Amino acid sequence: MGVSDERILRRLRLYWGVEPILIGDVKDYDEGERETLNRLIRDGLIAKGDLVLLTHGVIDTYNDYSIRILRV
């Protein structure tokens, strides 16, 4: 899971099965998704054929959430 806020990263480390990584500032969700997937592949945490669950929430509104499941 890619996050841009270190406070959130520390909280997510408490959940079993969640592997948060800190990514830099991104301009939109699509860029954040690409950066997260590229980083996970580069670090050897996911590989071609793996099933990945991506979640997204907008901090400002707390009303915009999405969940996406994809095969790498």
PDB file of N, CA and C in Angstrom:
ATOM      1  N   MET A   1       0.846  -1.156   0.000  1.00  0.00           N
ATOM      2  CA  MET A   1       0.000   0.000   0.000  1.00  0.00           C
ATOM      3  C   MET A   1       0.899   1.229   0.000  1.00  0.00           C
ATOM      4  N   GLY A   2       0.705   2.112  -0.929  1.00  0.00           N
ATOM      5  CA  GLY A   2       1.483   3.334  -1.000  1.00  0.00           C
ATOM      6  C   GLY A   2       0.750   4.469  -0.305  1.00  0.00           C
ATOM      7  N   VAL A   3       1.444   5.161   0.557  1.00  0.00           N
ATOM      8  CA  VAL A   3       0.858   6.298   1.259  1.00  0.00           C
ATOM      9  C   VAL A   3       1.811   7.474   1.172  1.00  0.00           C
ATOM     10  N   SER A   4       1.277   8.678   1.259  1.00  0.00           N
ATOM     11  CA  SER A   4       2.122   9.868   1.193  1.00  0.00           C
ATOM     12  C   SER A   4       2.240  10.553   2.549  1.00  0.00           C
ATOM     13  N   ASP A   5       1.616  10.020   3.573  1.00  0.00           N
ATOM     14  CA  ASP A   5       1.641  10.614   4.910  1.00  0.00           C
ATOM     15  C   ASP A   5       2.268   9.617   5.888  1.00  0.00           C
ATOM     16  N   GLU A   6       3.367   9.996   6.504  1.00  0.00           N
ATOM     17  CA  GLU A   6       4.076   9.087   7.392  1.00  0.00           C
ATOM     18  C   GLU A   6       3.251   8.682   8.616  1.00  0.00           C
ATOM     19  N   ARG A   7       2.356   9.543   9.088  1.00  0.00           N
ATOM     20  CA  ARG A   7       1.491   9.176  10.224  1.00  0.00           C
ATOM     21  C   ARG A   7       0.585   8.011   9.857  1.00  0.00           C
ATOM     22  N   ILE A   8       0.040   8.052   8.661  1.00  0.00           N
ATOM     23  CA  ILE A   8      -0.822   6.968   8.196  1.00  0.00           C
ATOM     24  C   ILE A   8       0.001   5.700   8.016  1.00  0.00           C
ATOM     25  N   LEU A   9       1.206   5.841   7.486  1.00  0.00           N
ATOM     26  CA  LEU A   9       2.083   4.682   7.306  1.00  0.00           C
ATOM     27  C   LEU A   9       2.326   3.961   8.625  1.00  0.00           C
ATOM     28  N   ARG A  10       2.609   4.706   9.678  1.00  0.00           N
ATOM     29  CA  ARG A  10       2.860   4.084  10.991  1.00  0.00           C
ATOM     30  C   ARG A  10       1.620   3.350  11.501  1.00  0.00           C
ATOM     31  N   ARG A  11       0.452   3.914  11.298  1.00  0.00           N
ATOM     32  CA  ARG A  11      -0.786   3.255  11.742  1.00  0.00           C
ATOM     33  C   ARG A  11      -1.054   1.979  10.957  1.00  0.00           C
ATOM     34  N   LEU A  12      -0.801   2.020   9.654  1.00  0.00           N
ATOM     35  CA  LEU A  12      -1.070   0.862   8.815  1.00  0.00           C
ATOM     36  C   LEU A  12      -0.150  -0.310   9.147  1.00  0.00           C
ATOM     37  N   ARG A  13       1.019  -0.046   9.668  1.00  0.00           N
ATOM     38  CA  ARG A  13       1.946  -1.124  10.038  1.00  0.00           C
ATOM     39  C   ARG A  13       1.377  -2.032  11.119  1.00  0.00           C
ATOM     40  N   LEU A  14       0.352  -1.568  11.815  1.00  0.00           N
ATOM     41  CA  LEU A  14      -0.257  -2.362  12.880  1.00  0.00           C
ATOM     42  C   LEU A  14      -1.173  -3.465  12.347  1.00  0.00           C
ATOM     43  N   TYR A  15      -1.587  -3.362  11.094  1.00  0.00           N
ATOM     44  CA  TYR A  15      -2.520  -4.334  10.520  1.00  0.00           C
ATOM     45  C   TYR A  15      -1.779  -5.509   9.899  1.00  0.00           C
ATOM     46  N   TRP A  16      -2.237  -6.724  10.222  1.00  0.00           N
ATOM     47  CA  TRP A  16      -1.644  -7.928   9.675  1.00  0.00           C
ATOM     48  C   TRP A  16      -1.914  -7.991   8.173  1.00  0.00           C
ATOM     49  N   GLY A  17      -0.890  -8.313   7.412  1.00  0.00           N
ATOM     50  CA  GLY A  17      -1.035  -8.477   5.973  1.00  0.00           C
ATOM     51  C   GLY A  17      -0.949  -7.189   5.184  1.00  0.00           C
ATOM     52  N   VAL A  18      -0.820  -6.052   5.852  1.00  0.00           N
ATOM     53  CA  VAL A  18      -0.704  -4.767   5.160  1.00  0.00           C
ATOM     54  C   VAL A  18       0.765  -4.381   5.137  1.00  0.00           C
ATOM     55  N   GLU A  19       1.276  -4.061   3.958  1.00  0.00           N
ATOM     56  CA  GLU A  19       2.674  -3.699   3.776  1.00  0.00           C
ATOM     57  C   GLU A  19       2.728  -2.269   3.228  1.00  0.00           C
ATOM     58  N   PRO A  20       2.625  -1.260   4.105  1.00  0.00           N
ATOM     59  CA  PRO A  20       2.606   0.116   3.608  1.00  0.00           C
ATOM     60  C   PRO A  20       3.997   0.575   3.163  1.00  0.00           C
ATOM     61  N   ILE A  21       4.037   1.394   2.123  1.00  0.00           N
ATOM     62  CA  ILE A  21       5.286   2.012   1.686  1.00  0.00           C
ATOM     63  C   ILE A  21       5.027   3.502   1.505  1.00  0.00           C
ATOM     64  N   LEU A  22       6.033   4.290   1.784  1.00  0.00           N
ATOM     65  CA  LEU A  22       5.918   5.734   1.648  1.00  0.00           C
ATOM     66  C   LEU A  22       6.297   6.128   0.231  1.00  0.00           C
ATOM     67  N   ILE A  23       5.396   6.810  -0.452  1.00  0.00           N
ATOM     68  CA  ILE A  23       5.685   7.309  -1.793  1.00  0.00           C
ATOM     69  C   ILE A  23       5.675   8.825  -1.739  1.00  0.00           C
ATOM     70  N   GLY A  24       6.324   9.438  -2.699  1.00  0.00           N
ATOM     71  CA  GLY A  24       6.380  10.895  -2.735  1.00  0.00           C
ATOM     72  C   GLY A  24       5.046  11.504  -3.110  1.00  0.00           C
ATOM     73  N   ASP A  25       5.022  12.813  -3.169  1.00  0.00           N
ATOM     74  CA  ASP A  25       3.802  13.505  -3.572  1.00  0.00           C
ATOM     75  C   ASP A  25       3.478  13.161  -5.015  1.00  0.00           C
ATOM     76  N   VAL A  26       2.227  12.896  -5.265  1.00  0.00           N
ATOM     77  CA  VAL A  26       1.758  12.597  -6.611  1.00  0.00           C
ATOM     78  C   VAL A  26       0.608  13.544  -6.928  1.00  0.00           C
ATOM     79  N   LYS A  27       0.392  13.792  -8.218  1.00  0.00           N
ATOM     80  CA  LYS A  27      -0.634  14.774  -8.596  1.00  0.00           C
ATOM     81  C   LYS A  27      -2.043  14.216  -8.647  1.00  0.00           C
ATOM     82  N   ASP A  28      -2.169  12.885  -8.841  1.00  0.00           N
ATOM     83  CA  ASP A  28      -3.507  12.296  -8.892  1.00  0.00           C
ATOM     84  C   ASP A  28      -3.437  10.813  -8.545  1.00  0.00           C
ATOM     85  N   TYR A  29      -4.612  10.194  -8.451  1.00  0.00           N
ATOM     86  CA  TYR A  29      -4.698   8.792  -8.051  1.00  0.00           C
ATOM     87  C   TYR A  29      -3.972   7.879  -9.026  1.00  0.00           C
ATOM     88  N   ASP A  30      -4.138   8.107 -10.326  1.00  0.00           N
ATOM     89  CA  ASP A  30      -3.509   7.249 -11.332  1.00  0.00           C
ATOM     90  C   ASP A  30      -1.986   7.258 -11.200  1.00  0.00           C
ATOM     91  N   GLU A  31      -1.417   8.427 -10.988  1.00  0.00           N
ATOM     92  CA  GLU A  31       0.034   8.516 -10.811  1.00  0.00           C
ATOM     93  C   GLU A  31       0.462   7.797  -9.523  1.00  0.00           C
ATOM     94  N   GLY A  32      -0.317   7.948  -8.474  1.00  0.00           N
ATOM     95  CA  GLY A  32      -0.005   7.270  -7.221  1.00  0.00           C
ATOM     96  C   GLY A  32      -0.076   5.761  -7.360  1.00  0.00           C
ATOM     97  N   GLU A  33      -1.068   5.284  -8.115  1.00  0.00           N
ATOM     98  CA  GLU A  33      -1.200   3.849  -8.356  1.00  0.00           C
ATOM     99  C   GLU A  33       0.003   3.321  -9.133  1.00  0.00           C
ATOM    100  N   ARG A  34       0.387   4.022 -10.192  1.00  0.00           N
ATOM    101  CA  ARG A  34       1.548   3.597 -10.982  1.00  0.00           C
ATOM    102  C   ARG A  34       2.813   3.576 -10.135  1.00  0.00           C
ATOM    103  N   GLU A  35       3.026   4.626  -9.368  1.00  0.00           N
ATOM    104  CA  GLU A  35       4.224   4.719  -8.528  1.00  0.00           C
ATOM    105  C   GLU A  35       4.244   3.590  -7.491  1.00  0.00           C
ATOM    106  N   THR A  36       3.107   3.316  -6.891  1.00  0.00           N
ATOM    107  CA  THR A  36       3.022   2.248  -5.891  1.00  0.00           C
ATOM    108  C   THR A  36       3.333   0.898  -6.518  1.00  0.00           C
ATOM    109  N   LEU A  37       2.684   0.583  -7.638  1.00  0.00           N
ATOM    110  CA  LEU A  37       2.921  -0.706  -8.291  1.00  0.00           C
ATOM    111  C   LEU A  37       4.368  -0.850  -8.751  1.00  0.00           C
ATOM    112  N   ASN A  38       4.930   0.197  -9.339  1.00  0.00           N
ATOM    113  CA  ASN A  38       6.328   0.146  -9.778  1.00  0.00           C
ATOM    114  C   ASN A  38       7.271  -0.082  -8.606  1.00  0.00           C
ATOM    115  N   ARG A  39       7.002   0.582  -7.506  1.00  0.00           N
ATOM    116  CA  ARG A  39       7.849   0.414  -6.314  1.00  0.00           C
ATOM    117  C   ARG A  39       7.743  -0.997  -5.747  1.00  0.00           C
ATOM    118  N   LEU A  40       6.527  -1.551  -5.698  1.00  0.00           N
ATOM    119  CA  LEU A  40       6.335  -2.908  -5.192  1.00  0.00           C
ATOM    120  C   LEU A  40       7.034  -3.937  -6.073  1.00  0.00           C
ATOM    121  N   ILE A  41       6.970  -3.741  -7.386  1.00  0.00           N
ATOM    122  CA  ILE A  41       7.661  -4.636  -8.312  1.00  0.00           C
ATOM    123  C   ILE A  41       9.170  -4.500  -8.133  1.00  0.00           C
ATOM    124  N   ARG A  42       9.655  -3.271  -8.101  1.00  0.00           N
ATOM    125  CA  ARG A  42      11.096  -2.999  -7.954  1.00  0.00           C
ATOM    126  C   ARG A  42      11.652  -3.594  -6.663  1.00  0.00           C
ATOM    127  N   ASP A  43      10.876  -3.526  -5.581  1.00  0.00           N
ATOM    128  CA  ASP A  43      11.322  -4.043  -4.283  1.00  0.00           C
ATOM    129  C   ASP A  43      11.096  -5.552  -4.140  1.00  0.00           C
ATOM    130  N   GLY A  44      10.524  -6.179  -5.171  1.00  0.00           N
ATOM    131  CA  GLY A  44      10.320  -7.619  -5.151  1.00  0.00           C
ATOM    132  C   GLY A  44       9.155  -8.077  -4.278  1.00  0.00           C
ATOM    133  N   LEU A  45       8.246  -7.160  -3.935  1.00  0.00           N
ATOM    134  CA  LEU A  45       7.108  -7.514  -3.094  1.00  0.00           C
ATOM    135  C   LEU A  45       5.939  -8.090  -3.893  1.00  0.00           C
ATOM    136  N   ILE A  46       5.865  -7.750  -5.181  1.00  0.00           N
ATOM    137  CA  ILE A  46       4.874  -8.347  -6.067  1.00  0.00           C
ATOM    138  C   ILE A  46       5.568  -8.713  -7.380  1.00  0.00           C
ATOM    139  N   ALA A  47       4.961  -9.630  -8.107  1.00  0.00           N
ATOM    140  CA  ALA A  47       5.521 -10.074  -9.387  1.00  0.00           C
ATOM    141  C   ALA A  47       4.388 -10.267 -10.388  1.00  0.00           C
ATOM    142  N   LYS A  48       4.771 -10.432 -11.641  1.00  0.00           N
ATOM    143  CA  LYS A  48       3.794 -10.654 -12.698  1.00  0.00           C
ATOM    144  C   LYS A  48       2.910 -11.848 -12.326  1.00  0.00           C
ATOM    145  N   GLY A  49       1.600 -11.662 -12.462  1.00  0.00           N
ATOM    146  CA  GLY A  49       0.645 -12.709 -12.141  1.00  0.00           C
ATOM    147  C   GLY A  49       0.028 -12.582 -10.761  1.00  0.00           C
ATOM    148  N   ASP A  50       0.628 -11.759  -9.877  1.00  0.00           N
ATOM    149  CA  ASP A  50       0.080 -11.570  -8.532  1.00  0.00           C
ATOM    150  C   ASP A  50      -1.232 -10.796  -8.578  1.00  0.00           C
ATOM    151  N   LEU A  51      -2.111 -11.105  -7.641  1.00  0.00           N
ATOM    152  CA  LEU A  51      -3.368 -10.393  -7.475  1.00  0.00           C
ATOM    153  C   LEU A  51      -3.151  -9.315  -6.417  1.00  0.00           C
ATOM    154  N   VAL A  52      -3.503  -8.076  -6.744  1.00  0.00           N
ATOM    155  CA  VAL A  52      -3.249  -6.936  -5.869  1.00  0.00           C
ATOM    156  C   VAL A  52      -4.552  -6.195  -5.594  1.00  0.00           C
ATOM    157  N   LEU A  53      -4.752  -5.804  -4.347  1.00  0.00           N
ATOM    158  CA  LEU A  53      -5.906  -5.012  -3.947  1.00  0.00           C
ATOM    159  C   LEU A  53      -5.430  -3.597  -3.659  1.00  0.00           C
ATOM    160  N   LEU A  54      -5.975  -2.621  -4.368  1.00  0.00           N
ATOM    161  CA  LEU A  54      -5.617  -1.218  -4.179  1.00  0.00           C
ATOM    162  C   LEU A  54      -6.815  -0.482  -3.594  1.00  0.00           C
ATOM    163  N   THR A  55      -6.565   0.310  -2.564  1.00  0.00           N
ATOM    164  CA  THR A  55      -7.631   1.128  -1.983  1.00  0.00           C
ATOM    165  C   THR A  55      -7.235   2.587  -2.098  1.00  0.00           C
ATOM    166  N   HIS A  56      -8.230   3.437  -2.091  1.00  0.00           N
ATOM    167  CA  HIS A  56      -7.978   4.861  -2.266  1.00  0.00           C
ATOM    168  C   HIS A  56      -9.041   5.648  -1.517  1.00  0.00           C
ATOM    169  N   GLY A  57      -8.622   6.664  -0.816  1.00  0.00           N
ATOM    170  CA  GLY A  57      -9.554   7.559  -0.146  1.00  0.00           C
ATOM    171  C   GLY A  57      -9.035   8.986  -0.210  1.00  0.00           C
ATOM    172  N   VAL A  58      -9.927   9.920  -0.403  1.00  0.00           N
ATOM    173  CA  VAL A  58      -9.544  11.328  -0.454  1.00  0.00           C
ATOM    174  C   VAL A  58      -9.608  11.895   0.949  1.00  0.00           C
ATOM    175  N   ILE A  59      -8.492  12.417   1.423  1.00  0.00           N
ATOM    176  CA  ILE A  59      -8.385  12.908   2.798  1.00  0.00           C
ATOM    177  C   ILE A  59      -9.289  14.116   3.036  1.00  0.00           C
ATOM    178  N   ASP A  60      -9.417  14.984   2.046  1.00  0.00           N
ATOM    179  CA  ASP A  60     -10.164  16.230   2.237  1.00  0.00           C
ATOM    180  C   ASP A  60     -11.655  16.008   2.474  1.00  0.00           C
ATOM    181  N   THR A  61     -12.244  15.025   1.794  1.00  0.00           N
ATOM    182  CA  THR A  61     -13.699  14.871   1.869  1.00  0.00           C
ATOM    183  C   THR A  61     -14.156  13.656   2.665  1.00  0.00           C
ATOM    184  N   TYR A  62     -13.318  12.637   2.748  1.00  0.00           N
ATOM    185  CA  TYR A  62     -13.659  11.369   3.395  1.00  0.00           C
ATOM    186  C   TYR A  62     -14.877  10.703   2.760  1.00  0.00           C
ATOM    187  N   ASN A  63     -15.325  11.192   1.625  1.00  0.00           N
ATOM    188  CA  ASN A  63     -16.478  10.617   0.961  1.00  0.00           C
ATOM    189  C   ASN A  63     -16.126   9.941  -0.349  1.00  0.00           C
ATOM    190  N   ASP A  64     -14.881  10.011  -0.763  1.00  0.00           N
ATOM    191  CA  ASP A  64     -14.464   9.466  -2.046  1.00  0.00           C
ATOM    192  C   ASP A  64     -13.527   8.287  -1.807  1.00  0.00           C
ATOM    193  N   TYR A  65     -14.072   7.082  -1.911  1.00  0.00           N
ATOM    194  CA  TYR A  65     -13.289   5.872  -1.686  1.00  0.00           C
ATOM    195  C   TYR A  65     -13.420   4.951  -2.891  1.00  0.00           C
ATOM    196  N   SER A  66     -12.394   4.179  -3.141  1.00  0.00           N
ATOM    197  CA  SER A  66     -12.490   3.153  -4.166  1.00  0.00           C
ATOM    198  C   SER A  66     -11.637   1.963  -3.787  1.00  0.00           C
ATOM    199  N   ILE A  67     -12.014   0.819  -4.287  1.00  0.00           N
ATOM    200  CA  ILE A  67     -11.251  -0.417  -4.115  1.00  0.00           C
ATOM    201  C   ILE A  67     -11.104  -1.017  -5.501  1.00  0.00           C
ATOM    202  N   ARG A  68      -9.878  -1.387  -5.830  1.00  0.00           N
ATOM    203  CA  ARG A  68      -9.616  -1.951  -7.145  1.00  0.00           C
ATOM    204  C   ARG A  68      -8.786  -3.213  -6.991  1.00  0.00           C
ATOM    205  N   ILE A  69      -9.199  -4.263  -7.651  1.00  0.00           N
ATOM    206  CA  ILE A  69      -8.453  -5.523  -7.634  1.00  0.00           C
ATOM    207  C   ILE A  69      -7.916  -5.733  -9.047  1.00  0.00           C
ATOM    208  N   LEU A  70      -6.613  -5.975  -9.144  1.00  0.00           N
ATOM    209  CA  LEU A  70      -6.033  -6.205 -10.459  1.00  0.00           C
ATOM    210  C   LEU A  70      -4.927  -7.251 -10.407  1.00  0.00           C
ATOM    211  N   ARG A  71      -4.702  -7.867 -11.520  1.00  0.00           N
ATOM    212  CA  ARG A  71      -3.616  -8.835 -11.650  1.00  0.00           C
ATOM    213  C   ARG A  71      -2.453  -8.122 -12.331  1.00  0.00           C
ATOM    214  N   VAL A  72      -1.282  -8.216 -11.724  1.00  0.00           N
ATOM    215  CA  VAL A  72      -0.088  -7.530 -12.230  1.00  0.00           C
ATOM    216  C   VAL A  72       0.382  -8.221 -13.487  1.00  0.00           C
TER     217      VAL A  72
END
